[in-house]
Amino acid sequence: MLDPRIRIVQGDITQLQVDAIVNAANRSLLGGGGVDGAIHRAAGPELVKACRPLGGCATGQAKITPGFRLPADYVIHTVGPVWSGGGKGEAELLASCYRQSLALAREHGVKTIAFPAISTGVYGYPLDQAARIALQTVQTFLQSEAQIETVFLVCFGQRAYETYRQVSRELEAS
């Protein structure tokens, strides 16, 4: 059974009232397309200024900044893997994005956190595989974590939402 603290929702991650949102960033951390661009636009120009001195971020790692104009106190930036067929460690790198982001959240006293579907946009990660990794990694992390009260897995579109719901049902049945 999935941890009841995991919630799959459909919507705009930049609008959520949570302690931290996770940004599916590129290695520069200076903004880009998709959710990364949306978060940078919503947070305002202060976000890119806060990211510059961080010196970028390696794939599978995470860094944290204030949320500025977002309703979230923090933005946790993580760089997901580009899908290359699955044979280049993509699954472990994607799982690391979730673990590293949750660890940073814990260090900063975060109780509520929202994740986008990391790497499933222009990075091309198959949605069903990414959803399975997200759900399993968050579930495992929460087994030894009491501080984090809610983890939102935020799906931007209907297809992503339905895929996450289906994968969650499959995991519950196994």
C-alpha atoms as a PDB file:
ATOM      1  CA  MET A   1       0.000   0.000   0.000  1.00  0.00           C
ATOM      2  CA  LEU A   2       1.253   3.461  -0.871  1.00  0.00           C
ATOM      3  CA  ASP A   3       2.049   5.819   1.959  1.00  0.00           C
ATOM      4  CA  PRO A   4      -1.023   8.044   2.491  1.00  0.00           C
ATOM      5  CA  ARG A   5       1.284  11.073   2.544  1.00  0.00           C
ATOM      6  CA  ILE A   6       1.810  10.664  -1.226  1.00  0.00           C
ATOM      7  CA  ARG A   7      -0.766  12.559  -3.274  1.00  0.00           C
ATOM      8  CA  ILE A   8      -1.050  12.523  -7.039  1.00  0.00           C
ATOM      9  CA  VAL A   9      -2.597  15.752  -8.312  1.00  0.00           C
ATOM     10  CA  GLN A  10      -3.111  17.460 -11.633  1.00  0.00           C
ATOM     11  CA  GLY A  11      -2.302  21.142 -11.927  1.00  0.00           C
ATOM     12  CA  ASP A  12       0.261  23.916 -12.062  1.00  0.00           C
ATOM     13  CA  ILE A  13       3.121  23.315  -9.620  1.00  0.00           C
ATOM     14  CA  THR A  14       3.872  27.052  -9.453  1.00  0.00           C
ATOM     15  CA  GLN A  15       0.477  27.688  -7.811  1.00  0.00           C
ATOM     16  CA  LEU A  16       0.731  25.169  -4.973  1.00  0.00           C
ATOM     17  CA  GLN A  17       0.824  26.366  -1.367  1.00  0.00           C
ATOM     18  CA  VAL A  18       3.623  24.083  -0.136  1.00  0.00           C
ATOM     19  CA  ASP A  19       6.885  24.559   1.732  1.00  0.00           C
ATOM     20  CA  ALA A  20       8.971  23.563  -1.309  1.00  0.00           C
ATOM     21  CA  ILE A  21       8.512  22.839  -4.976  1.00  0.00           C
ATOM     22  CA  VAL A  22      10.983  20.842  -6.984  1.00  0.00           C
ATOM     23  CA  ASN A  23      12.236  22.262 -10.245  1.00  0.00           C
ATOM     24  CA  ALA A  24      13.144  19.856 -13.046  1.00  0.00           C
ATOM     25  CA  ALA A  25      16.106  22.051 -13.934  1.00  0.00           C
ATOM     26  CA  ASN A  26      18.844  21.897 -16.505  1.00  0.00           C
ATOM     27  CA  ARG A  27      22.498  21.646 -15.426  1.00  0.00           C
ATOM     28  CA  SER A  28      23.033  25.437 -15.518  1.00  0.00           C
ATOM     29  CA  LEU A  29      20.100  26.114 -13.126  1.00  0.00           C
ATOM     30  CA  LEU A  30      19.548  29.362 -15.037  1.00  0.00           C
ATOM     31  CA  GLY A  31      16.130  28.584 -16.469  1.00  0.00           C
ATOM     32  CA  GLY A  32      14.896  26.798 -19.545  1.00  0.00           C
ATOM     33  CA  GLY A  33      11.711  25.433 -21.026  1.00  0.00           C
ATOM     34  CA  GLY A  34       8.851  23.423 -19.595  1.00  0.00           C
ATOM     35  CA  VAL A  35       8.399  23.377 -15.835  1.00  0.00           C
ATOM     36  CA  ASP A  36      11.843  24.973 -15.366  1.00  0.00           C
ATOM     37  CA  GLY A  37      10.851  28.046 -17.363  1.00  0.00           C
ATOM     38  CA  ALA A  38       7.451  28.239 -15.658  1.00  0.00           C
ATOM     39  CA  ILE A  39       9.045  28.147 -12.191  1.00  0.00           C
ATOM     40  CA  HIS A  40      11.605  30.801 -13.121  1.00  0.00           C
ATOM     41  CA  ARG A  41       8.901  33.069 -14.547  1.00  0.00           C
ATOM     42  CA  ALA A  42       6.651  32.651 -11.503  1.00  0.00           C
ATOM     43  CA  ALA A  43       9.491  33.141  -8.993  1.00  0.00           C
ATOM     44  CA  GLY A  44      10.754  36.284 -10.698  1.00  0.00           C
ATOM     45  CA  PRO A  45      14.244  37.465 -11.662  1.00  0.00           C
ATOM     46  CA  GLU A  46      15.549  36.931  -8.124  1.00  0.00           C
ATOM     47  CA  LEU A  47      15.559  33.171  -8.734  1.00  0.00           C
ATOM     48  CA  VAL A  48      18.126  33.250 -11.525  1.00  0.00           C
ATOM     49  CA  LYS A  49      20.251  35.634  -9.408  1.00  0.00           C
ATOM     50  CA  ALA A  50      20.139  33.119  -6.539  1.00  0.00           C
ATOM     51  CA  CYS A  51      21.040  30.258  -8.885  1.00  0.00           C
ATOM     52  CA  ARG A  52      24.083  31.893 -10.520  1.00  0.00           C
ATOM     53  CA  PRO A  53      26.478  31.444  -7.565  1.00  0.00           C
ATOM     54  CA  LEU A  54      25.455  27.778  -7.166  1.00  0.00           C
ATOM     55  CA  GLY A  55      27.642  26.866 -10.146  1.00  0.00           C
ATOM     56  CA  GLY A  56      25.093  24.588 -11.786  1.00  0.00           C
ATOM     57  CA  CYS A  57      24.082  21.119 -10.689  1.00  0.00           C
ATOM     58  CA  ALA A  58      25.078  17.616 -11.748  1.00  0.00           C
ATOM     59  CA  THR A  59      22.508  15.125 -13.024  1.00  0.00           C
ATOM     60  CA  GLY A  60      20.893  13.287 -10.111  1.00  0.00           C
ATOM     61  CA  GLN A  61      21.847  15.956  -7.580  1.00  0.00           C
ATOM     62  CA  ALA A  62      19.821  18.792  -6.033  1.00  0.00           C
ATOM     63  CA  LYS A  63      20.351  22.349  -4.760  1.00  0.00           C
ATOM     64  CA  ILE A  64      18.014  24.696  -2.902  1.00  0.00           C
ATOM     65  CA  THR A  65      17.101  28.378  -3.169  1.00  0.00           C
ATOM     66  CA  PRO A  66      14.364  30.582  -1.737  1.00  0.00           C
ATOM     67  CA  GLY A  67      11.042  30.568  -3.596  1.00  0.00           C
ATOM     68  CA  PHE A  68      10.882  34.355  -3.980  1.00  0.00           C
ATOM     69  CA  ARG A  69       7.524  35.244  -5.619  1.00  0.00           C
ATOM     70  CA  LEU A  70       6.226  31.668  -5.534  1.00  0.00           C
ATOM     71  CA  PRO A  71       3.782  30.574  -2.820  1.00  0.00           C
ATOM     72  CA  ALA A  72       6.493  28.043  -1.804  1.00  0.00           C
ATOM     73  CA  ASP A  73       9.266  29.016   0.619  1.00  0.00           C
ATOM     74  CA  TYR A  74      11.872  27.038  -1.312  1.00  0.00           C
ATOM     75  CA  VAL A  75      12.696  25.794  -4.778  1.00  0.00           C
ATOM     76  CA  ILE A  76      14.705  22.581  -4.845  1.00  0.00           C
ATOM     77  CA  HIS A  77      16.430  22.321  -8.216  1.00  0.00           C
ATOM     78  CA  THR A  78      17.264  18.853  -9.475  1.00  0.00           C
ATOM     79  CA  VAL A  79      18.645  17.754 -12.822  1.00  0.00           C
ATOM     80  CA  GLY A  80      17.048  14.636 -14.225  1.00  0.00           C
ATOM     81  CA  PRO A  81      18.656  12.361 -16.779  1.00  0.00           C
ATOM     82  CA  VAL A  82      18.076  12.624 -20.505  1.00  0.00           C
ATOM     83  CA  TRP A  83      16.522   9.361 -21.698  1.00  0.00           C
ATOM     84  CA  SER A  84      18.987   7.405 -23.830  1.00  0.00           C
ATOM     85  CA  GLY A  85      17.193   4.073 -23.985  1.00  0.00           C
ATOM     86  CA  GLY A  86      17.644   3.046 -20.351  1.00  0.00           C
ATOM     87  CA  GLY A  87      21.121   1.569 -20.512  1.00  0.00           C
ATOM     88  CA  LYS A  88      23.092   4.550 -19.216  1.00  0.00           C
ATOM     89  CA  GLY A  89      22.030   4.575 -15.573  1.00  0.00           C
ATOM     90  CA  GLU A  90      18.984   6.745 -16.185  1.00  0.00           C
ATOM     91  CA  ALA A  91      16.798   4.938 -13.618  1.00  0.00           C
ATOM     92  CA  GLU A  92      19.317   5.374 -10.794  1.00  0.00           C
ATOM     93  CA  LEU A  93      19.914   9.011 -11.725  1.00  0.00           C
ATOM     94  CA  LEU A  94      16.181   9.714 -11.739  1.00  0.00           C
ATOM     95  CA  ALA A  95      15.698   7.978  -8.372  1.00  0.00           C
ATOM     96  CA  SER A  96      18.611  10.037  -7.038  1.00  0.00           C
ATOM     97  CA  CYS A  97      16.788  13.247  -8.038  1.00  0.00           C
ATOM     98  CA  TYR A  98      13.906  12.303  -5.747  1.00  0.00           C
ATOM     99  CA  ARG A  99      16.133  11.092  -2.872  1.00  0.00           C
ATOM    100  CA  GLN A 100      18.437  14.125  -2.995  1.00  0.00           C
ATOM    101  CA  SER A 101      15.480  16.539  -3.170  1.00  0.00           C
ATOM    102  CA  LEU A 102      13.754  14.868  -0.216  1.00  0.00           C
ATOM    103  CA  ALA A 103      16.992  14.894   1.797  1.00  0.00           C
ATOM    104  CA  LEU A 104      17.405  18.640   1.160  1.00  0.00           C
ATOM    105  CA  ALA A 105      13.764  19.164   2.119  1.00  0.00           C
ATOM    106  CA  ARG A 106      14.344  17.344   5.403  1.00  0.00           C
ATOM    107  CA  GLU A 107      17.472  19.416   6.132  1.00  0.00           C
ATOM    108  CA  HIS A 108      15.440  22.625   5.685  1.00  0.00           C
ATOM    109  CA  GLY A 109      12.458  21.601   7.807  1.00  0.00           C
ATOM    110  CA  VAL A 110      10.105  21.169   4.868  1.00  0.00           C
ATOM    111  CA  LYS A 111       6.812  19.465   5.711  1.00  0.00           C
ATOM    112  CA  THR A 112       5.089  19.722   2.316  1.00  0.00           C
ATOM    113  CA  ILE A 113       6.827  19.291  -1.027  1.00  0.00           C
ATOM    114  CA  ALA A 114       5.672  19.089  -4.646  1.00  0.00           C
ATOM    115  CA  PHE A 115       7.464  17.298  -7.482  1.00  0.00           C
ATOM    116  CA  PRO A 116       6.854  17.612 -11.211  1.00  0.00           C
ATOM    117  CA  ALA A 117       7.235  14.547 -13.453  1.00  0.00           C
ATOM    118  CA  ILE A 118      11.033  14.920 -13.645  1.00  0.00           C
ATOM    119  CA  SER A 119      12.685  14.164 -17.027  1.00  0.00           C
ATOM    120  CA  THR A 120       9.407  13.337 -18.803  1.00  0.00           C
ATOM    121  CA  GLY A 121       9.276  16.478 -20.938  1.00  0.00           C
ATOM    122  CA  VAL A 122      12.029  17.384 -23.389  1.00  0.00           C
ATOM    123  CA  TYR A 123      14.384  14.900 -21.664  1.00  0.00           C
ATOM    124  CA  GLY A 124      12.173  12.130 -23.071  1.00  0.00           C
ATOM    125  CA  TYR A 125      11.928   9.737 -20.115  1.00  0.00           C
ATOM    126  CA  PRO A 126       9.006   7.324 -20.690  1.00  0.00           C
ATOM    127  CA  LEU A 127       6.179   8.532 -18.471  1.00  0.00           C
ATOM    128  CA  ASP A 128       5.167   5.151 -17.045  1.00  0.00           C
ATOM    129  CA  GLN A 129       8.739   4.258 -16.083  1.00  0.00           C
ATOM    130  CA  ALA A 130       9.353   7.717 -14.574  1.00  0.00           C
ATOM    131  CA  ALA A 131       6.103   7.495 -12.570  1.00  0.00           C
ATOM    132  CA  ARG A 132       7.103   4.081 -11.176  1.00  0.00           C
ATOM    133  CA  ILE A 133      10.532   5.384 -10.132  1.00  0.00           C
ATOM    134  CA  ALA A 134       9.005   8.501  -8.560  1.00  0.00           C
ATOM    135  CA  LEU A 135       6.390   6.570  -6.577  1.00  0.00           C
ATOM    136  CA  GLN A 136       8.753   3.817  -5.423  1.00  0.00           C
ATOM    137  CA  THR A 137      11.553   6.215  -4.452  1.00  0.00           C
ATOM    138  CA  VAL A 138       9.263   8.559  -2.508  1.00  0.00           C
ATOM    139  CA  GLN A 139       7.568   5.583  -0.821  1.00  0.00           C
ATOM    140  CA  THR A 140      10.928   4.153   0.289  1.00  0.00           C
ATOM    141  CA  PHE A 141      12.151   7.528   1.570  1.00  0.00           C
ATOM    142  CA  LEU A 142       8.991   8.113   3.598  1.00  0.00           C
ATOM    143  CA  GLN A 143       9.337   4.751   5.362  1.00  0.00           C
ATOM    144  CA  SER A 144      12.088   6.261   7.528  1.00  0.00           C
ATOM    145  CA  GLU A 145      10.913   9.880   7.483  1.00  0.00           C
ATOM    146  CA  ALA A 146       8.399  11.386   9.909  1.00  0.00           C
ATOM    147  CA  GLN A 147       8.957  15.127   9.330  1.00  0.00           C
ATOM    148  CA  ILE A 148       7.598  15.293   5.782  1.00  0.00           C
ATOM    149  CA  GLU A 149       3.809  15.361   5.985  1.00  0.00           C
ATOM    150  CA  THR A 150       2.780  15.448   2.312  1.00  0.00           C
ATOM    151  CA  VAL A 151       4.509  14.763  -0.989  1.00  0.00           C
ATOM    152  CA  PHE A 152       2.567  15.978  -4.004  1.00  0.00           C
ATOM    153  CA  LEU A 153       3.371  14.402  -7.354  1.00  0.00           C
ATOM    154  CA  VAL A 154       2.083  17.100  -9.676  1.00  0.00           C
ATOM    155  CA  CYS A 155       1.020  16.151 -13.173  1.00  0.00           C
ATOM    156  CA  PHE A 156       0.644  19.007 -15.635  1.00  0.00           C
ATOM    157  CA  GLY A 157      -1.656  17.240 -18.085  1.00  0.00           C
ATOM    158  CA  GLN A 158      -4.387  14.617 -18.064  1.00  0.00           C
ATOM    159  CA  ARG A 159      -2.178  11.960 -19.689  1.00  0.00           C
ATOM    160  CA  ALA A 160       0.484  12.308 -16.992  1.00  0.00           C
ATOM    161  CA  TYR A 161      -2.159  12.272 -14.260  1.00  0.00           C
ATOM    162  CA  GLU A 162      -3.805   9.104 -15.615  1.00  0.00           C
ATOM    163  CA  THR A 163      -0.412   7.422 -16.008  1.00  0.00           C
ATOM    164  CA  TYR A 164       0.625   8.223 -12.419  1.00  0.00           C
ATOM    165  CA  ARG A 165      -2.750   6.978 -11.110  1.00  0.00           C
ATOM    166  CA  GLN A 166      -2.442   3.743 -13.116  1.00  0.00           C
ATOM    167  CA  VAL A 167       1.106   3.096 -11.907  1.00  0.00           C
ATOM    168  CA  SER A 168       0.044   3.790  -8.308  1.00  0.00           C
ATOM    169  CA  ARG A 169      -2.768   1.214  -8.666  1.00  0.00           C
ATOM    170  CA  GLU A 170      -0.296  -1.329 -10.063  1.00  0.00           C
ATOM    171  CA  LEU A 171       2.099  -0.740  -7.163  1.00  0.00           C
ATOM    172  CA  GLU A 172      -0.715  -1.087  -4.640  1.00  0.00           C
ATOM    173  CA  ALA A 173      -1.777  -4.375  -6.229  1.00  0.00           C
ATOM    174  CA  SER A 174       1.739  -5.867  -6.182  1.00  0.00           C
END
